[in-house]
PDB file of all heavy atoms in Angstrom:
ATOM      1  N   ASP A   1       5.580   4.886   6.579  1.00  0.00           N
ATOM      2  CA  ASP A   1       6.035   3.639   5.952  1.00  0.00           C
ATOM      3  C   ASP A   1       5.126   2.504   6.391  1.00  0.00           C
ATOM      4  O   ASP A   1       4.842   2.389   7.590  1.00  0.00           O
ATOM      5  CB  ASP A   1       7.480   3.327   6.365  1.00  0.00           C
ATOM      6  CG  ASP A   1       8.498   4.218   5.709  1.00  0.00           C
ATOM      7  OD1 ASP A   1       8.180   4.826   4.678  1.00  0.00           O
ATOM      8  OD2 ASP A   1       9.624   4.323   6.247  1.00  0.00           O
ATOM      9  N   LEU A   2       4.696   1.688   5.447  1.00  0.00           N
ATOM     10  CA  LEU A   2       3.888   0.518   5.780  1.00  0.00           C
ATOM     11  C   LEU A   2       4.676  -0.749   5.492  1.00  0.00           C
ATOM     12  O   LEU A   2       5.280  -0.882   4.416  1.00  0.00           O
ATOM     13  CB  LEU A   2       2.575   0.524   4.982  1.00  0.00           C
ATOM     14  CG  LEU A   2       1.541   1.566   5.376  1.00  0.00           C
ATOM     15  CD1 LEU A   2       0.376   1.556   4.396  1.00  0.00           C
ATOM     16  CD2 LEU A   2       1.033   1.321   6.794  1.00  0.00           C
ATOM     17  N   VAL A   3       4.663  -1.667   6.431  1.00  0.00           N
ATOM     18  CA  VAL A   3       5.347  -2.956   6.276  1.00  0.00           C
ATOM     19  C   VAL A   3       4.324  -3.996   5.827  1.00  0.00           C
ATOM     20  O   VAL A   3       3.284  -4.157   6.460  1.00  0.00           O
ATOM     21  CB  VAL A   3       6.018  -3.401   7.580  1.00  0.00           C
ATOM     22  CG1 VAL A   3       6.666  -4.757   7.422  1.00  0.00           C
ATOM     23  CG2 VAL A   3       7.049  -2.355   8.023  1.00  0.00           C
ATOM     24  N   LEU A   4       4.629  -4.709   4.724  1.00  0.00           N
ATOM     25  CA  LEU A   4       3.783  -5.803   4.247  1.00  0.00           C
ATOM     26  C   LEU A   4       4.409  -7.127   4.618  1.00  0.00           C
ATOM     27  O   LEU A   4       5.619  -7.224   4.864  1.00  0.00           O
ATOM     28  CB  LEU A   4       3.619  -5.682   2.724  1.00  0.00           C
ATOM     29  CG  LEU A   4       3.161  -4.323   2.180  1.00  0.00           C
ATOM     30  CD1 LEU A   4       2.918  -4.405   0.683  1.00  0.00           C
ATOM     31  CD2 LEU A   4       1.889  -3.853   2.901  1.00  0.00           C
ATOM     32  N   ASP A   5       3.598  -8.186   4.649  1.00  0.00           N
ATOM     33  CA  ASP A   5       4.122  -9.492   5.045  1.00  0.00           C
ATOM     34  C   ASP A   5       4.884 -10.145   3.873  1.00  0.00           C
ATOM     35  O   ASP A   5       4.939  -9.604   2.770  1.00  0.00           O
ATOM     36  CB  ASP A   5       3.000 -10.416   5.542  1.00  0.00           C
ATOM     37  CG  ASP A   5       1.925 -10.656   4.489  1.00  0.00           C
ATOM     38  OD1 ASP A   5       2.211 -10.564   3.281  1.00  0.00           O
ATOM     39  OD2 ASP A   5       0.773 -10.942   4.897  1.00  0.00           O
ATOM     40  N   GLU A   6       5.467 -11.309   4.141  1.00  0.00           N
ATOM     41  CA  GLU A   6       6.317 -11.982   3.173  1.00  0.00           C
ATOM     42  C   GLU A   6       5.557 -12.344   1.902  1.00  0.00           C
ATOM     43  O   GLU A   6       6.060 -12.198   0.807  1.00  0.00           O
ATOM     44  CB  GLU A   6       6.927 -13.240   3.797  1.00  0.00           C
ATOM     45  CG  GLU A   6       7.944 -12.965   4.881  1.00  0.00           C
ATOM     46  CD  GLU A   6       9.283 -12.543   4.303  1.00  0.00           C
ATOM     47  OE1 GLU A   6       9.407 -12.404   3.075  1.00  0.00           O
ATOM     48  OE2 GLU A   6      10.221 -12.297   5.110  1.00  0.00           O
ATOM     49  N   GLU A   7       4.332 -12.817   2.061  1.00  0.00           N
ATOM     50  CA  GLU A   7       3.540 -13.224   0.900  1.00  0.00           C
ATOM     51  C   GLU A   7       3.261 -12.038  -0.028  1.00  0.00           C
ATOM     52  O   GLU A   7       3.418 -12.136  -1.254  1.00  0.00           O
ATOM     53  CB  GLU A   7       2.234 -13.862   1.369  1.00  0.00           C
ATOM     54  CG  GLU A   7       1.367 -14.402   0.215  1.00  0.00           C
ATOM     55  CD  GLU A   7       0.096 -15.040   0.706  1.00  0.00           C
ATOM     56  OE1 GLU A   7      -0.099 -15.155   1.932  1.00  0.00           O
ATOM     57  OE2 GLU A   7      -0.727 -15.458  -0.144  1.00  0.00           O
ATOM     58  N   ALA A   8       2.864 -10.915   0.561  1.00  0.00           N
ATOM     59  CA  ALA A   8       2.600  -9.718  -0.247  1.00  0.00           C
ATOM     60  C   ALA A   8       3.909  -9.235  -0.886  1.00  0.00           C
ATOM     61  O   ALA A   8       3.895  -8.796  -2.051  1.00  0.00           O
ATOM     62  CB  ALA A   8       2.006  -8.630   0.618  1.00  0.00           C
ATOM     63  N   ALA A   9       5.018  -9.306  -0.167  1.00  0.00           N
ATOM     64  CA  ALA A   9       6.305  -8.861  -0.710  1.00  0.00           C
ATOM     65  C   ALA A   9       6.699  -9.674  -1.916  1.00  0.00           C
ATOM     66  O   ALA A   9       7.206  -9.143  -2.923  1.00  0.00           O
ATOM     67  CB  ALA A   9       7.377  -8.941   0.371  1.00  0.00           C
ATOM     68  N   ARG A  10       6.454 -10.986  -1.867  1.00  0.00           N
ATOM     69  CA  ARG A  10       6.772 -11.821  -3.031  1.00  0.00           C
ATOM     70  C   ARG A  10       5.902 -11.474  -4.232  1.00  0.00           C
ATOM     71  O   ARG A  10       6.386 -11.430  -5.374  1.00  0.00           O
ATOM     72  CB  ARG A  10       6.579 -13.293  -2.661  1.00  0.00           C
ATOM     73  CG  ARG A  10       7.672 -13.860  -1.758  1.00  0.00           C
ATOM     74  CD  ARG A  10       7.621 -15.380  -1.725  1.00  0.00           C
ATOM     75  NE  ARG A  10       6.362 -15.845  -1.126  1.00  0.00           N
ATOM     76  CZ  ARG A  10       6.181 -16.084   0.182  1.00  0.00           C
ATOM     77  NH1 ARG A  10       7.201 -15.879   1.015  1.00  0.00           N
ATOM     78  NH2 ARG A  10       5.045 -16.494   0.637  1.00  0.00           N
ATOM     79  N   ALA A  11       4.633 -11.172  -3.992  1.00  0.00           N
ATOM     80  CA  ALA A  11       3.715 -10.826  -5.088  1.00  0.00           C
ATOM     81  C   ALA A  11       4.085  -9.519  -5.759  1.00  0.00           C
ATOM     82  O   ALA A  11       3.780  -9.290  -6.929  1.00  0.00           O
ATOM     83  CB  ALA A  11       2.271 -10.787  -4.573  1.00  0.00           C
ATOM     84  N   LEU A  12       4.745  -8.631  -4.983  1.00  0.00           N
ATOM     85  CA  LEU A  12       5.083  -7.307  -5.509  1.00  0.00           C
ATOM     86  C   LEU A  12       6.550  -7.203  -5.943  1.00  0.00           C
ATOM     87  O   LEU A  12       7.007  -6.116  -6.344  1.00  0.00           O
ATOM     88  CB  LEU A  12       4.799  -6.243  -4.453  1.00  0.00           C
ATOM     89  CG  LEU A  12       3.329  -6.111  -4.040  1.00  0.00           C
ATOM     90  CD1 LEU A  12       3.187  -5.152  -2.873  1.00  0.00           C
ATOM     91  CD2 LEU A  12       2.474  -5.636  -5.216  1.00  0.00           C
ATOM     92  N   ALA A  13       7.280  -8.285  -5.830  1.00  0.00           N
ATOM     93  CA  ALA A  13       8.666  -8.291  -6.253  1.00  0.00           C
ATOM     94  C   ALA A  13       8.774  -7.981  -7.752  1.00  0.00           C
ATOM     95  O   ALA A  13       7.914  -8.393  -8.539  1.00  0.00           O
ATOM     96  CB  ALA A  13       9.329  -9.629  -5.945  1.00  0.00           C
ATOM     97  N   GLY A  14       9.781  -7.258  -8.137  1.00  0.00           N
ATOM     98  CA  GLY A  14       9.958  -6.937  -9.559  1.00  0.00           C
ATOM     99  C   GLY A  14       9.293  -5.655  -9.975  1.00  0.00           C
ATOM    100  O   GLY A  14       9.268  -5.320 -11.174  1.00  0.00           O
ATOM    101  N   ALA A  15       8.745  -4.894  -8.999  1.00  0.00           N
ATOM    102  CA  ALA A  15       8.119  -3.587  -9.310  1.00  0.00           C
ATOM    103  C   ALA A  15       7.136  -3.660 -10.463  1.00  0.00           C
ATOM    104  O   ALA A  15       7.419  -3.232 -11.588  1.00  0.00           O
ATOM    105  CB  ALA A  15       9.208  -2.551  -9.621  1.00  0.00           C
ATOM    106  N   PRO A  16       5.916  -4.196 -10.245  1.00  0.00           N
ATOM    107  CA  PRO A  16       4.918  -4.322 -11.296  1.00  0.00           C
ATOM    108  C   PRO A  16       4.563  -2.972 -11.933  1.00  0.00           C
ATOM    109  O   PRO A  16       4.612  -1.925 -11.271  1.00  0.00           O
ATOM    110  CB  PRO A  16       3.720  -4.945 -10.593  1.00  0.00           C
ATOM    111  CG  PRO A  16       3.937  -4.684  -9.142  1.00  0.00           C
ATOM    112  CD  PRO A  16       5.413  -4.678  -8.946  1.00  0.00           C
ATOM    113  N   ALA A  17       4.167  -3.038 -13.182  1.00  0.00           N
ATOM    114  CA  ALA A  17       3.916  -1.815 -13.973  1.00  0.00           C
ATOM    115  C   ALA A  17       2.798  -0.947 -13.401  1.00  0.00           C
ATOM    116  O   ALA A  17       2.789   0.264 -13.619  1.00  0.00           O
ATOM    117  CB  ALA A  17       3.601  -2.196 -15.405  1.00  0.00           C
ATOM    118  N   PHE A  18       1.870  -1.558 -12.650  1.00  0.00           N
ATOM    119  CA  PHE A  18       0.778  -0.722 -12.118  1.00  0.00           C
ATOM    120  C   PHE A  18       1.309   0.274 -11.071  1.00  0.00           C
ATOM    121  O   PHE A  18       0.655   1.272 -10.785  1.00  0.00           O
ATOM    122  CB  PHE A  18      -0.378  -1.559 -11.567  1.00  0.00           C
ATOM    123  CG  PHE A  18      -0.032  -2.484 -10.432  1.00  0.00           C
ATOM    124  CD1 PHE A  18       0.223  -2.025  -9.154  1.00  0.00           C
ATOM    125  CD2 PHE A  18       0.007  -3.858 -10.645  1.00  0.00           C
ATOM    126  CE1 PHE A  18       0.508  -2.895  -8.111  1.00  0.00           C
ATOM    127  CE2 PHE A  18       0.298  -4.744  -9.623  1.00  0.00           C
ATOM    128  CZ  PHE A  18       0.556  -4.250  -8.349  1.00  0.00           C
ATOM    129  N   PHE A  19       2.480   0.025 -10.515  1.00  0.00           N
ATOM    130  CA  PHE A  19       3.119   1.036  -9.675  1.00  0.00           C
ATOM    131  C   PHE A  19       3.392   2.313 -10.471  1.00  0.00           C
ATOM    132  O   PHE A  19       3.148   3.423 -10.011  1.00  0.00           O
ATOM    133  CB  PHE A  19       4.453   0.512  -9.125  1.00  0.00           C
ATOM    134  CG  PHE A  19       4.345  -0.407  -7.928  1.00  0.00           C
ATOM    135  CD1 PHE A  19       5.464  -1.082  -7.461  1.00  0.00           C
ATOM    136  CD2 PHE A  19       3.148  -0.599  -7.277  1.00  0.00           C
ATOM    137  CE1 PHE A  19       5.385  -1.920  -6.378  1.00  0.00           C
ATOM    138  CE2 PHE A  19       3.044  -1.441  -6.192  1.00  0.00           C
ATOM    139  CZ  PHE A  19       4.174  -2.114  -5.740  1.00  0.00           C
ATOM    140  N   GLY A  20       3.914   2.122 -11.671  1.00  0.00           N
ATOM    141  CA  GLY A  20       4.236   3.273 -12.527  1.00  0.00           C
ATOM    142  C   GLY A  20       3.037   4.076 -12.900  1.00  0.00           C
ATOM    143  O   GLY A  20       3.124   5.313 -13.147  1.00  0.00           O
ATOM    144  N   ASP A  21       1.844   3.457 -12.926  1.00  0.00           N
ATOM    145  CA  ASP A  21       0.594   4.151 -13.262  1.00  0.00           C
ATOM    146  C   ASP A  21      -0.089   4.725 -12.031  1.00  0.00           C
ATOM    147  O   ASP A  21      -1.186   5.292 -12.161  1.00  0.00           O
ATOM    148  CB  ASP A  21      -0.342   3.199 -13.969  1.00  0.00           C
ATOM    149  CG  ASP A  21       0.205   2.720 -15.308  1.00  0.00           C
ATOM    150  OD1 ASP A  21       0.927   3.497 -15.946  1.00  0.00           O
ATOM    151  OD2 ASP A  21      -0.085   1.565 -15.701  1.00  0.00           O
ATOM    152  N   GLY A  22       0.518   4.560 -10.855  1.00  0.00           N
ATOM    153  CA  GLY A  22      -0.070   5.123  -9.652  1.00  0.00           C
ATOM    154  C   GLY A  22      -1.317   4.400  -9.195  1.00  0.00           C
ATOM    155  O   GLY A  22      -2.166   4.984  -8.498  1.00  0.00           O
ATOM    156  N   ARG A  23      -1.432   3.109  -9.531  1.00  0.00           N
ATOM    157  CA  ARG A  23      -2.627   2.352  -9.137  1.00  0.00           C
ATOM    158  C   ARG A  23      -2.415   1.663  -7.795  1.00  0.00           C
ATOM    159  O   ARG A  23      -2.410   0.425  -7.696  1.00  0.00           O
ATOM    160  CB  ARG A  23      -2.974   1.338 -10.230  1.00  0.00           C
ATOM    161  CG  ARG A  23      -3.457   1.986 -11.515  1.00  0.00           C
ATOM    162  CD  ARG A  23      -4.009   0.987 -12.473  1.00  0.00           C
ATOM    163  NE  ARG A  23      -4.586   1.630 -13.661  1.00  0.00           N
ATOM    164  CZ  ARG A  23      -5.217   0.981 -14.626  1.00  0.00           C
ATOM    165  NH1 ARG A  23      -5.323  -0.334 -14.575  1.00  0.00           N
ATOM    166  NH2 ARG A  23      -5.724   1.625 -15.660  1.00  0.00           N
ATOM    167  N   VAL A  24      -2.220   2.489  -6.788  1.00  0.00           N
ATOM    168  CA  VAL A  24      -2.036   2.006  -5.420  1.00  0.00           C
ATOM    169  C   VAL A  24      -3.006   2.775  -4.524  1.00  0.00           C
ATOM    170  O   VAL A  24      -3.025   4.002  -4.547  1.00  0.00           O
ATOM    171  CB  VAL A  24      -0.595   2.223  -4.931  1.00  0.00           C
ATOM    172  CG1 VAL A  24      -0.447   1.794  -3.482  1.00  0.00           C
ATOM    173  CG2 VAL A  24       0.389   1.457  -5.822  1.00  0.00           C
ATOM    174  N   ALA A  25      -3.802   2.049  -3.761  1.00  0.00           N
ATOM    175  CA  ALA A  25      -4.747   2.669  -2.822  1.00  0.00           C
ATOM    176  C   ALA A  25      -4.442   2.171  -1.416  1.00  0.00           C
ATOM    177  O   ALA A  25      -4.208   0.979  -1.209  1.00  0.00           O
ATOM    178  CB  ALA A  25      -6.192   2.322  -3.221  1.00  0.00           C
ATOM    179  N   VAL A  26      -4.463   3.086  -0.464  1.00  0.00           N
ATOM    180  CA  VAL A  26      -4.241   2.739   0.941  1.00  0.00           C
ATOM    181  C   VAL A  26      -5.521   3.051   1.709  1.00  0.00           C
ATOM    182  O   VAL A  26      -6.030   4.189   1.659  1.00  0.00           O
ATOM    183  CB  VAL A  26      -3.047   3.525   1.523  1.00  0.00           C
ATOM    184  CG1 VAL A  26      -2.875   3.163   3.010  1.00  0.00           C
ATOM    185  CG2 VAL A  26      -1.788   3.227   0.761  1.00  0.00           C
ATOM    186  N   VAL A  27      -6.033   2.033   2.409  1.00  0.00           N
ATOM    187  CA  VAL A  27      -7.243   2.213   3.218  1.00  0.00           C
ATOM    188  C   VAL A  27      -6.797   2.629   4.618  1.00  0.00           C
ATOM    189  O   VAL A  27      -6.038   1.933   5.266  1.00  0.00           O
ATOM    190  CB  VAL A  27      -8.051   0.907   3.278  1.00  0.00           C
ATOM    191  CG1 VAL A  27      -9.281   1.082   4.164  1.00  0.00           C
ATOM    192  CG2 VAL A  27      -8.475   0.499   1.860  1.00  0.00           C
ATOM    193  N   ILE A  28      -7.281   3.776   5.074  1.00  0.00           N
ATOM    194  CA  ILE A  28      -6.896   4.337   6.385  1.00  0.00           C
ATOM    195  C   ILE A  28      -8.119   4.506   7.253  1.00  0.00           C
ATOM    196  O   ILE A  28      -9.261   4.574   6.748  1.00  0.00           O
ATOM    197  CB  ILE A  28      -6.155   5.665   6.230  1.00  0.00           C
ATOM    198  CG1 ILE A  28      -7.041   6.702   5.518  1.00  0.00           C
ATOM    199  CG2 ILE A  28      -4.867   5.479   5.461  1.00  0.00           C
ATOM    200  CD1 ILE A  28      -6.426   8.069   5.381  1.00  0.00           C
ATOM    201  N   ARG A  29      -7.897   4.588   8.552  1.00  0.00           N
ATOM    202  CA  ARG A  29      -9.027   4.804   9.438  1.00  0.00           C
ATOM    203  C   ARG A  29      -9.552   6.217   9.266  1.00  0.00           C
ATOM    204  O   ARG A  29      -8.801   7.137   8.976  1.00  0.00           O
ATOM    205  CB  ARG A  29      -8.621   4.544  10.893  1.00  0.00           C
ATOM    206  CG  ARG A  29      -7.484   5.390  11.424  1.00  0.00           C
ATOM    207  CD  ARG A  29      -7.082   4.900  12.791  1.00  0.00           C
ATOM    208  NE  ARG A  29      -6.007   5.684  13.365  1.00  0.00           N
ATOM    209  CZ  ARG A  29      -5.424   5.393  14.518  1.00  0.00           C
ATOM    210  NH1 ARG A  29      -5.788   4.336  15.178  1.00  0.00           N
ATOM    211  NH2 ARG A  29      -4.471   6.174  15.000  1.00  0.00           N
ATOM    212  N   PRO A  30     -10.872   6.424   9.429  1.00  0.00           N
ATOM    213  CA  PRO A  30     -11.446   7.749   9.237  1.00  0.00           C
ATOM    214  C   PRO A  30     -10.795   8.775  10.148  1.00  0.00           C
ATOM    215  O   PRO A  30     -10.415   8.493  11.276  1.00  0.00           O
ATOM    216  CB  PRO A  30     -12.928   7.553   9.583  1.00  0.00           C
ATOM    217  CG  PRO A  30     -13.153   6.086   9.403  1.00  0.00           C
ATOM    218  CD  PRO A  30     -11.881   5.400   9.776  1.00  0.00           C
ATOM    219  N   VAL A  31     -10.667  10.003   9.631  1.00  0.00           N
ATOM    220  CA  VAL A  31     -10.081  11.070  10.421  1.00  0.00           C
ATOM    221  C   VAL A  31     -11.060  11.482  11.530  1.00  0.00           C
ATOM    222  O   VAL A  31     -12.241  11.639  11.314  1.00  0.00           O
ATOM    223  CB  VAL A  31      -9.801  12.293   9.510  1.00  0.00           C
ATOM    224  CG1 VAL A  31      -9.271  13.448  10.356  1.00  0.00           C
ATOM    225  CG2 VAL A  31      -8.801  11.913   8.439  1.00  0.00           C
ATOM    226  N   THR A  32     -10.543  11.601  12.748  1.00  0.00           N
ATOM    227  CA  THR A  32     -11.348  12.016  13.876  1.00  0.00           C
ATOM    228  C   THR A  32     -10.906  13.394  14.346  1.00  0.00           C
ATOM    229  O   THR A  32      -9.719  13.716  14.318  1.00  0.00           O
ATOM    230  CB  THR A  32     -11.243  11.029  15.040  1.00  0.00           C
ATOM    231  OG1 THR A  32      -9.841  10.875  15.405  1.00  0.00           O
ATOM    232  CG2 THR A  32     -11.800   9.665  14.660  1.00  0.00           C
ATOM    233  N   ALA A  33     -11.861  14.192  14.794  1.00  0.00           N
ATOM    234  CA  ALA A  33     -11.559  15.524  15.260  1.00  0.00           C
ATOM    235  C   ALA A  33     -10.814  15.461  16.594  1.00  0.00           C
ATOM    236  O   ALA A  33     -11.025  14.552  17.399  1.00  0.00           O
ATOM    237  CB  ALA A  33     -12.831  16.336  15.407  1.00  0.00           C
ATOM    238  N   LEU A  34      -9.952  16.414  16.822  1.00  0.00           N
ATOM    239  CA  LEU A  34      -9.254  16.515  18.106  1.00  0.00           C
ATOM    240  C   LEU A  34     -10.279  16.720  19.193  1.00  0.00           C
ATOM    241  O   LEU A  34     -11.152  17.601  19.101  1.00  0.00           O
ATOM    242  CB  LEU A  34      -8.260  17.664  18.036  1.00  0.00           C
ATOM    243  CG  LEU A  34      -7.327  17.905  19.210  1.00  0.00           C
ATOM    244  CD1 LEU A  34      -6.000  18.432  18.695  1.00  0.00           C
ATOM    245  CD2 LEU A  34      -7.955  18.915  20.169  1.00  0.00           C
ATOM    246  N   ASP A  35     -10.216  15.920  20.259  1.00  0.00           N
ATOM    247  CA  ASP A  35     -11.239  15.930  21.335  1.00  0.00           C
ATOM    248  C   ASP A  35     -10.841  16.914  22.415  1.00  0.00           C
ATOM    249  O   ASP A  35      -9.968  16.636  23.238  1.00  0.00           O
ATOM    250  CB  ASP A  35     -11.367  14.522  21.908  1.00  0.00           C
ATOM    251  CG  ASP A  35     -12.376  14.463  23.044  1.00  0.00           C
ATOM    252  OD1 ASP A  35     -13.157  15.418  23.184  1.00  0.00           O
ATOM    253  OD2 ASP A  35     -12.379  13.460  23.808  1.00  0.00           O
TER     254      ASP A  35
END
């Protein structure tokens, strides 16, 4: 689960249609091998 701030939450209120099209990208840190 990712928590967004108040400003982002207001911009996404109302479930915009691009959610339905799967146009959501999450930037994550690169995977590192177990050391």
